[in-house]
Amino acid sequence: MEVVRKFIEESIEAIKARSIHNQIQGGFFSGLCEITKNLEQIAQEYLQKDDSLLKEITDLRKILCKDG
């Protein structure tokens, strides 16, 4: 469980860093949107429903994905 949590934490940080980089370059978030959706599915499977990491991923998905 700790390995999955660490993976999710590191993935969130990588997605945030890449989204900032894309924003600076005027890029798009479509690839990051799909990655975030996949990460959210993993988090839903392994984390508690009220886990702060799950909320952070959901918030990130809402920002990066046009369909929310």
Protein backbone atom coordinates (compact mmCIF):
# COMPACT_ATOMS: atom_id res chain seq x y z
CA MET A 1 0.00 0.00 0.00
CA GLU A 2 2.82 2.41 0.84
CA VAL A 3 4.43 1.74 -2.54
CA VAL A 4 1.21 2.66 -4.34
CA ARG A 5 0.79 5.80 -2.22
CA LYS A 6 4.38 6.87 -2.98
CA PHE A 7 3.78 6.24 -6.70
CA ILE A 8 0.63 8.39 -6.61
CA GLU A 9 2.38 11.21 -4.71
CA GLU A 10 5.31 11.25 -7.15
CA SER A 11 2.97 11.10 -10.14
CA ILE A 12 0.98 14.09 -8.88
CA GLU A 13 4.17 16.11 -8.53
CA ALA A 14 5.32 15.11 -12.02
CA ILE A 15 1.95 16.04 -13.56
CA LYS A 16 1.98 19.41 -11.80
CA ALA A 17 5.52 20.16 -12.96
CA ARG A 18 4.72 19.18 -16.54
CA SER A 19 1.50 21.20 -16.58
CA ILE A 20 3.36 24.30 -15.43
CA HIS A 21 5.96 23.70 -18.15
CA ASN A 22 3.23 23.24 -20.78
CA GLN A 23 1.45 26.39 -19.62
CA ILE A 24 4.63 28.45 -19.89
CA GLN A 25 5.14 27.20 -23.45
CA GLY A 26 1.48 27.71 -24.38
CA GLY A 27 0.98 23.98 -24.75
CA PHE A 28 -2.01 21.73 -24.33
CA PHE A 29 -3.01 19.46 -21.47
CA SER A 30 -4.73 16.62 -23.39
CA GLY A 31 -2.00 14.05 -22.64
CA LEU A 32 -1.82 15.13 -19.02
CA CYS A 33 -5.60 14.88 -18.79
CA GLU A 34 -5.54 11.20 -19.78
CA ILE A 35 -2.65 10.45 -17.41
CA THR A 36 -4.50 12.19 -14.58
CA LYS A 37 -7.69 10.22 -15.29
CA ASN A 38 -5.71 6.96 -15.17
CA LEU A 39 -4.01 7.99 -11.94
CA GLU A 40 -7.40 8.87 -10.46
CA GLN A 41 -8.66 5.36 -11.27
CA ILE A 42 -5.64 3.83 -9.51
CA ALA A 43 -6.16 6.11 -6.51
CA GLN A 44 -9.85 5.20 -6.29
CA GLU A 45 -8.90 1.54 -6.21
CA TYR A 46 -6.17 1.78 -3.57
CA LEU A 47 -6.94 4.81 -1.39
CA GLN A 48 -9.72 5.57 1.05
CA LYS A 49 -12.57 7.64 -0.35
CA ASP A 50 -11.74 10.58 1.93
CA ASP A 51 -7.96 10.51 1.30
CA SER A 52 -6.48 13.93 0.59
CA LEU A 53 -4.45 12.54 -2.32
CA LEU A 54 -7.62 11.42 -4.06
CA LYS A 55 -9.11 14.89 -3.64
CA GLU A 56 -5.93 16.45 -5.02
CA ILE A 57 -6.02 14.21 -8.10
CA THR A 58 -9.71 14.98 -8.66
CA ASP A 59 -9.03 18.71 -8.42
CA LEU A 60 -6.09 18.37 -10.82
CA ARG A 61 -8.26 16.43 -13.29
CA LYS A 62 -10.90 19.18 -13.19
CA ILE A 63 -8.23 21.72 -14.10
CA LEU A 64 -6.51 19.71 -16.82
CA CYS A 65 -9.53 18.09 -18.48
CA LYS A 66 -12.08 20.15 -20.37
CA ASP A 67 -14.86 17.70 -19.56
CA GLY A 68 -14.14 17.93 -15.85
